[in-house]
C-alpha cells in the first residue's frame, strides 16, 4: 500500500509535510486519521504514550530527535510536522 497525500486542511501545507503526515497516518492508523494541522496533539485525541510513539516514529523515519524544550514551544501538529520537515536528515521510502 502506498502513502496517500491527505486532503482537506493538510493541503495548505507543503507537499513534503503532507507526505510526513500520510506516512505517520499509515504507521499509526488510529491516531493518524485524527491529526489536524491547526490543532494541538491533545485536541486530536492523543495521549502521552501515543505522543512518545509518534516521536519514536519520527526519529526512526526522519532522523529527527526532538528535545523537550523544542516540543514545549510547539502549539499545533502542523508546527511539529513543519519542524520535522525542516530538520529531516533522511526521507524514508514509501511503506508497502
Protein backbone atom coordinates (compact mmCIF):
# COMPACT_ATOMS: atom_id res chain seq x y z
CA UNK A 1 0.00 0.00 0.00
CA UNK A 2 1.46 3.38 -0.94
CA UNK A 3 1.14 6.55 1.07
CA UNK A 4 -1.74 8.75 0.04
CA UNK A 5 -1.35 12.50 0.32
CA UNK A 6 -4.13 13.70 2.65
CA UNK A 7 -6.74 16.16 1.54
CA UNK A 8 -8.59 18.83 3.49
CA UNK A 9 -6.68 21.03 5.92
CA UNK A 10 -3.35 19.38 5.10
CA UNK A 11 -3.46 20.80 1.56
CA UNK A 12 -2.40 24.21 2.88
CA UNK A 13 0.97 22.79 3.99
CA UNK A 14 3.95 21.93 1.75
CA UNK A 15 3.77 18.57 -0.05
CA UNK A 16 6.71 17.28 1.98
CA UNK A 17 4.76 17.90 5.21
CA UNK A 18 1.69 16.24 3.69
CA UNK A 19 3.85 13.20 2.94
CA UNK A 20 5.12 13.10 6.54
CA UNK A 21 1.52 13.18 7.79
CA UNK A 22 0.49 10.46 5.33
CA UNK A 23 3.33 8.20 6.48
CA UNK A 24 2.54 8.74 10.16
CA UNK A 25 -1.17 8.13 9.49
CA UNK A 26 -0.29 4.86 7.80
CA UNK A 27 2.07 3.76 10.59
CA UNK A 28 -0.33 4.84 13.36
CA UNK A 29 -3.77 4.48 11.76
CA UNK A 30 -5.86 5.04 14.88
CA UNK A 31 -4.15 8.31 15.68
CA UNK A 32 -3.01 9.47 12.26
CA UNK A 33 -6.52 9.90 10.90
CA UNK A 34 -7.36 12.22 13.79
CA UNK A 35 -4.38 14.56 13.41
CA UNK A 36 -5.23 18.07 12.23
CA UNK A 37 -2.58 20.65 11.37
CA UNK A 38 -4.18 23.51 13.30
CA UNK A 39 -4.91 21.54 16.48
CA UNK A 40 -2.78 20.51 19.42
CA UNK A 41 -1.90 16.85 19.84
CA UNK A 42 -4.27 16.62 22.81
CA UNK A 43 -7.11 18.24 20.84
CA UNK A 44 -6.63 15.46 18.26
CA UNK A 45 -7.24 12.87 20.98
CA UNK A 46 -3.63 11.84 21.50
CA UNK A 47 -2.30 10.83 24.89
CA UNK A 48 1.23 10.86 26.30
CA UNK A 49 2.01 7.29 25.26
CA UNK A 50 0.88 7.94 21.69
CA UNK A 51 2.96 11.12 21.65
CA UNK A 52 6.07 9.15 22.61
CA UNK A 53 5.24 6.59 19.90
CA UNK A 54 4.84 9.43 17.40
CA UNK A 55 8.21 10.91 18.36
CA UNK A 56 9.85 7.47 18.06
CA UNK A 57 8.35 7.01 14.58
CA UNK A 58 9.58 10.48 13.58
CA UNK A 59 13.08 9.75 14.82
CA UNK A 60 13.21 6.33 13.12
CA UNK A 61 11.84 7.53 9.79
CA UNK A 62 13.25 11.06 9.51
CA UNK A 63 16.28 11.08 11.80
CA UNK A 64 14.85 13.92 13.87
CA UNK A 65 15.29 13.73 17.63
CA UNK A 66 13.34 16.49 19.37
CA UNK A 67 14.28 17.82 22.79
CA UNK A 68 11.68 18.62 25.43
CA UNK A 69 12.37 22.36 25.16
CA UNK A 70 11.74 22.23 21.39
CA UNK A 71 8.48 20.34 21.79
CA UNK A 72 7.26 22.68 24.54
CA UNK A 73 7.22 25.66 22.18
CA UNK A 74 5.07 23.92 19.55
CA UNK A 75 1.37 24.71 19.58
CA UNK A 76 -0.01 22.52 16.81
CA UNK A 77 0.54 19.23 14.99
CA UNK A 78 1.23 21.26 11.85
CA UNK A 79 4.10 23.08 13.58
CA UNK A 80 5.52 19.75 14.72
CA UNK A 81 5.48 18.30 11.21
CA UNK A 82 6.93 21.51 9.72
CA UNK A 83 9.82 21.24 12.19
CA UNK A 84 10.34 17.59 11.27
CA UNK A 85 10.34 18.53 7.59
CA UNK A 86 12.94 21.27 8.16
CA UNK A 87 15.24 19.07 10.24
CA UNK A 88 14.85 15.72 8.48
CA UNK A 89 18.21 14.07 7.86
CA UNK A 90 16.64 11.25 5.89
CA UNK A 91 13.46 10.56 3.96
CA UNK A 92 12.05 7.04 4.15
CA UNK A 93 10.88 5.05 1.19
CA UNK A 94 7.09 4.73 0.94
CA UNK A 95 5.57 1.97 3.04
CA UNK A 96 4.47 -1.10 1.06
